[in-house]
Amino acid sequence: MKIIVAIIQPFRLDEVLQALYAEDINLVTVSEVLGHGRQMGVTEVYRGNKEMGNLLRKIRLEIAVNRQLRQTGHQLQL
């Protein structure tokens, strides 16, 4: 088994999970994390609070795949 780690935007979570379930990939852990990429210095309003600085809310997915899926070179279509 291998673990794949992906960091995605929160609004993409449902779409990604549906694609994983369609490919019969069910071993998924979802965590809320903070981070930034190219959008450093962005100010956002989250639940009425202004958040300044470099850290934005993200979703971290840890996906466990077995050897069979790795050997077929599976790609998800999102």
N, C-alpha and C. Protein backbone atom coordinates (compact mmCIF):
# COMPACT_ATOMS: atom_id res chain seq x y z
N MET A 1 0.83 -1.19 0.00
CA MET A 1 0.00 0.00 0.00
C MET A 1 0.87 1.25 0.00
N LYS A 2 0.39 2.26 -0.66
CA LYS A 2 1.05 3.56 -0.68
C LYS A 2 0.07 4.62 -0.21
N ILE A 3 0.60 5.67 0.39
CA ILE A 3 -0.20 6.81 0.83
C ILE A 3 0.08 7.98 -0.10
N ILE A 4 -0.97 8.55 -0.64
CA ILE A 4 -0.87 9.75 -1.47
C ILE A 4 -1.40 10.91 -0.64
N VAL A 5 -0.64 12.00 -0.56
CA VAL A 5 -1.06 13.18 0.18
C VAL A 5 -1.36 14.28 -0.82
N ALA A 6 -2.54 14.90 -0.68
CA ALA A 6 -2.94 15.99 -1.56
C ALA A 6 -3.47 17.14 -0.72
N ILE A 7 -3.11 18.37 -1.08
CA ILE A 7 -3.63 19.57 -0.44
C ILE A 7 -4.52 20.26 -1.48
N ILE A 8 -5.80 20.45 -1.12
CA ILE A 8 -6.76 21.03 -2.06
C ILE A 8 -7.51 22.18 -1.41
N GLN A 9 -8.18 22.96 -2.24
CA GLN A 9 -9.06 24.02 -1.76
C GLN A 9 -10.31 23.38 -1.16
N PRO A 10 -10.87 23.96 -0.08
CA PRO A 10 -12.03 23.35 0.57
C PRO A 10 -13.23 23.15 -0.35
N PHE A 11 -13.46 24.03 -1.32
CA PHE A 11 -14.63 23.90 -2.18
C PHE A 11 -14.52 22.72 -3.15
N ARG A 12 -13.34 22.14 -3.30
CA ARG A 12 -13.14 21.00 -4.21
C ARG A 12 -13.32 19.64 -3.53
N LEU A 13 -13.53 19.63 -2.22
CA LEU A 13 -13.54 18.37 -1.47
C LEU A 13 -14.60 17.40 -1.98
N ASP A 14 -15.83 17.83 -2.13
CA ASP A 14 -16.89 16.92 -2.57
C ASP A 14 -16.61 16.32 -3.94
N GLU A 15 -16.11 17.14 -4.85
CA GLU A 15 -15.80 16.67 -6.20
C GLU A 15 -14.69 15.62 -6.18
N VAL A 16 -13.66 15.86 -5.38
CA VAL A 16 -12.54 14.91 -5.30
C VAL A 16 -12.99 13.60 -4.65
N LEU A 17 -13.77 13.69 -3.58
CA LEU A 17 -14.25 12.47 -2.92
C LEU A 17 -15.15 11.65 -3.84
N GLN A 18 -16.00 12.30 -4.61
CA GLN A 18 -16.85 11.57 -5.55
C GLN A 18 -16.02 10.85 -6.60
N ALA A 19 -14.97 11.50 -7.09
CA ALA A 19 -14.10 10.86 -8.08
C ALA A 19 -13.36 9.67 -7.47
N LEU A 20 -12.93 9.80 -6.22
CA LEU A 20 -12.25 8.68 -5.56
C LEU A 20 -13.21 7.51 -5.35
N TYR A 21 -14.41 7.79 -4.88
CA TYR A 21 -15.39 6.72 -4.64
C TYR A 21 -15.80 6.05 -5.95
N ALA A 22 -15.86 6.80 -7.04
CA ALA A 22 -16.21 6.23 -8.35
C ALA A 22 -15.15 5.22 -8.80
N GLU A 23 -13.90 5.43 -8.37
CA GLU A 23 -12.81 4.50 -8.72
C GLU A 23 -12.61 3.44 -7.64
N ASP A 24 -13.55 3.35 -6.70
CA ASP A 24 -13.52 2.36 -5.62
C ASP A 24 -12.32 2.55 -4.70
N ILE A 25 -11.97 3.81 -4.45
CA ILE A 25 -10.92 4.17 -3.50
C ILE A 25 -11.63 4.73 -2.27
N ASN A 26 -11.60 3.97 -1.18
CA ASN A 26 -12.38 4.34 0.00
C ASN A 26 -11.54 4.67 1.22
N LEU A 27 -10.25 4.42 1.19
CA LEU A 27 -9.40 4.66 2.35
C LEU A 27 -8.85 6.09 2.29
N VAL A 28 -9.63 7.03 2.84
CA VAL A 28 -9.30 8.44 2.74
C VAL A 28 -9.40 9.08 4.13
N THR A 29 -8.39 9.89 4.47
CA THR A 29 -8.42 10.70 5.68
C THR A 29 -8.44 12.16 5.26
N VAL A 30 -9.35 12.94 5.87
CA VAL A 30 -9.50 14.35 5.53
C VAL A 30 -9.16 15.18 6.76
N SER A 31 -8.29 16.20 6.59
CA SER A 31 -7.90 17.09 7.68
C SER A 31 -7.97 18.53 7.21
N GLU A 32 -8.33 19.44 8.12
CA GLU A 32 -8.26 20.86 7.82
C GLU A 32 -6.89 21.37 8.22
N VAL A 33 -6.22 22.08 7.32
CA VAL A 33 -4.88 22.60 7.58
C VAL A 33 -4.82 24.06 7.15
N LEU A 34 -3.73 24.73 7.51
CA LEU A 34 -3.47 26.10 7.09
C LEU A 34 -2.21 26.10 6.24
N GLY A 35 -2.20 26.91 5.20
CA GLY A 35 -1.02 27.00 4.35
C GLY A 35 -1.19 28.08 3.31
N HIS A 36 -0.18 28.25 2.48
CA HIS A 36 -0.27 29.21 1.38
C HIS A 36 0.57 28.73 0.22
N GLY A 37 0.22 29.23 -0.92
CA GLY A 37 0.95 28.92 -2.15
C GLY A 37 1.36 30.22 -2.80
N ARG A 38 0.92 30.43 -4.01
CA ARG A 38 1.25 31.65 -4.74
C ARG A 38 0.49 32.87 -4.26
N GLN A 39 -0.57 32.69 -3.48
CA GLN A 39 -1.44 33.79 -3.09
C GLN A 39 -1.02 34.41 -1.75
N MET A 40 0.25 34.52 -1.47
CA MET A 40 0.73 35.07 -0.20
C MET A 40 0.22 36.50 -0.01
N GLY A 41 -0.10 36.84 1.22
CA GLY A 41 -0.51 38.19 1.55
C GLY A 41 -1.97 38.50 1.28
N VAL A 42 -2.80 37.48 1.09
CA VAL A 42 -4.21 37.69 0.79
C VAL A 42 -4.97 37.89 2.10
N THR A 43 -5.91 38.84 2.09
CA THR A 43 -6.79 39.05 3.23
C THR A 43 -8.14 38.44 2.89
N GLU A 44 -8.65 37.58 3.78
CA GLU A 44 -9.94 36.93 3.56
C GLU A 44 -10.84 37.15 4.75
N VAL A 45 -12.15 37.09 4.50
CA VAL A 45 -13.12 37.13 5.58
C VAL A 45 -13.69 35.73 5.73
N TYR A 46 -13.53 35.16 6.92
CA TYR A 46 -14.01 33.81 7.20
C TYR A 46 -14.92 33.87 8.41
N ARG A 47 -16.19 33.57 8.21
CA ARG A 47 -17.19 33.60 9.28
C ARG A 47 -17.18 34.93 10.03
N GLY A 48 -17.08 36.00 9.29
CA GLY A 48 -17.15 37.32 9.88
C GLY A 48 -15.84 37.83 10.44
N ASN A 49 -14.80 37.01 10.45
CA ASN A 49 -13.49 37.44 10.96
C ASN A 49 -12.55 37.69 9.80
N LYS A 50 -11.88 38.83 9.84
CA LYS A 50 -10.90 39.15 8.80
C LYS A 50 -9.60 38.43 9.15
N GLU A 51 -9.12 37.63 8.22
CA GLU A 51 -7.88 36.90 8.41
C GLU A 51 -6.82 37.49 7.50
N MET A 52 -5.79 38.03 8.11
CA MET A 52 -4.70 38.62 7.34
C MET A 52 -3.48 37.72 7.50
N GLY A 53 -2.58 37.86 6.58
CA GLY A 53 -1.35 37.09 6.68
C GLY A 53 -1.23 36.08 5.58
N ASN A 54 -0.37 35.13 5.82
CA ASN A 54 0.00 34.19 4.78
C ASN A 54 -0.77 32.89 4.80
N LEU A 55 -1.43 32.55 5.88
CA LEU A 55 -2.02 31.23 6.00
C LEU A 55 -3.50 31.24 5.65
N LEU A 56 -3.87 30.35 4.73
CA LEU A 56 -5.25 30.19 4.30
C LEU A 56 -5.72 28.78 4.62
N ARG A 57 -7.01 28.62 4.75
CA ARG A 57 -7.58 27.30 5.05
C ARG A 57 -7.48 26.40 3.81
N LYS A 58 -7.03 25.17 4.05
CA LYS A 58 -6.90 24.16 2.99
C LYS A 58 -7.41 22.83 3.54
N ILE A 59 -7.56 21.86 2.66
CA ILE A 59 -7.94 20.50 3.03
C ILE A 59 -6.79 19.57 2.65
N ARG A 60 -6.37 18.74 3.59
CA ARG A 60 -5.33 17.75 3.33
C ARG A 60 -5.99 16.38 3.24
N LEU A 61 -5.76 15.70 2.13
CA LEU A 61 -6.27 14.35 1.92
C LEU A 61 -5.12 13.36 1.98
N GLU A 62 -5.30 12.31 2.74
CA GLU A 62 -4.36 11.20 2.75
C GLU A 62 -5.11 10.01 2.18
N ILE A 63 -4.66 9.52 1.04
CA ILE A 63 -5.38 8.50 0.29
C ILE A 63 -4.50 7.25 0.23
N ALA A 64 -5.04 6.13 0.70
CA ALA A 64 -4.31 4.86 0.66
C ALA A 64 -4.74 4.09 -0.59
N VAL A 65 -3.76 3.70 -1.39
CA VAL A 65 -4.06 2.90 -2.59
C VAL A 65 -3.25 1.61 -2.53
N ASN A 66 -3.84 0.55 -3.09
CA ASN A 66 -3.16 -0.74 -3.08
C ASN A 66 -2.29 -0.89 -4.32
N ARG A 67 -1.55 -1.96 -4.35
CA ARG A 67 -0.59 -2.20 -5.43
C ARG A 67 -1.28 -2.31 -6.80
N GLN A 68 -2.47 -2.90 -6.82
CA GLN A 68 -3.18 -3.10 -8.09
C GLN A 68 -3.48 -1.74 -8.77
N LEU A 69 -3.95 -0.76 -8.02
CA LEU A 69 -4.24 0.54 -8.60
C LEU A 69 -2.98 1.27 -9.03
N ARG A 70 -1.89 1.10 -8.28
CA ARG A 70 -0.64 1.76 -8.65
C ARG A 70 -0.10 1.20 -9.96
N GLN A 71 -0.23 -0.09 -10.18
CA GLN A 71 0.34 -0.71 -11.37
C GLN A 71 -0.44 -0.34 -12.63
N THR A 72 -1.72 -0.02 -12.51
CA THR A 72 -2.50 0.33 -13.70
C THR A 72 -2.30 1.77 -14.12
N GLY A 73 -1.64 2.58 -13.26
CA GLY A 73 -1.41 3.98 -13.61
C GLY A 73 -2.71 4.77 -13.66
N HIS A 74 -3.60 4.53 -12.73
CA HIS A 74 -4.91 5.18 -12.69
C HIS A 74 -4.78 6.70 -12.59
N GLN A 75 -5.63 7.40 -13.31
CA GLN A 75 -5.74 8.85 -13.20
C GLN A 75 -7.18 9.21 -13.01
N LEU A 76 -7.45 10.08 -12.03
CA LEU A 76 -8.81 10.53 -11.77
C LEU A 76 -9.16 11.68 -12.69
N GLN A 77 -10.38 11.69 -13.16
CA GLN A 77 -10.88 12.78 -13.99
C GLN A 77 -11.75 13.68 -13.14
N LEU A 78 -11.27 14.90 -12.88
CA LEU A 78 -12.03 15.86 -12.07
C LEU A 78 -12.63 16.92 -12.93
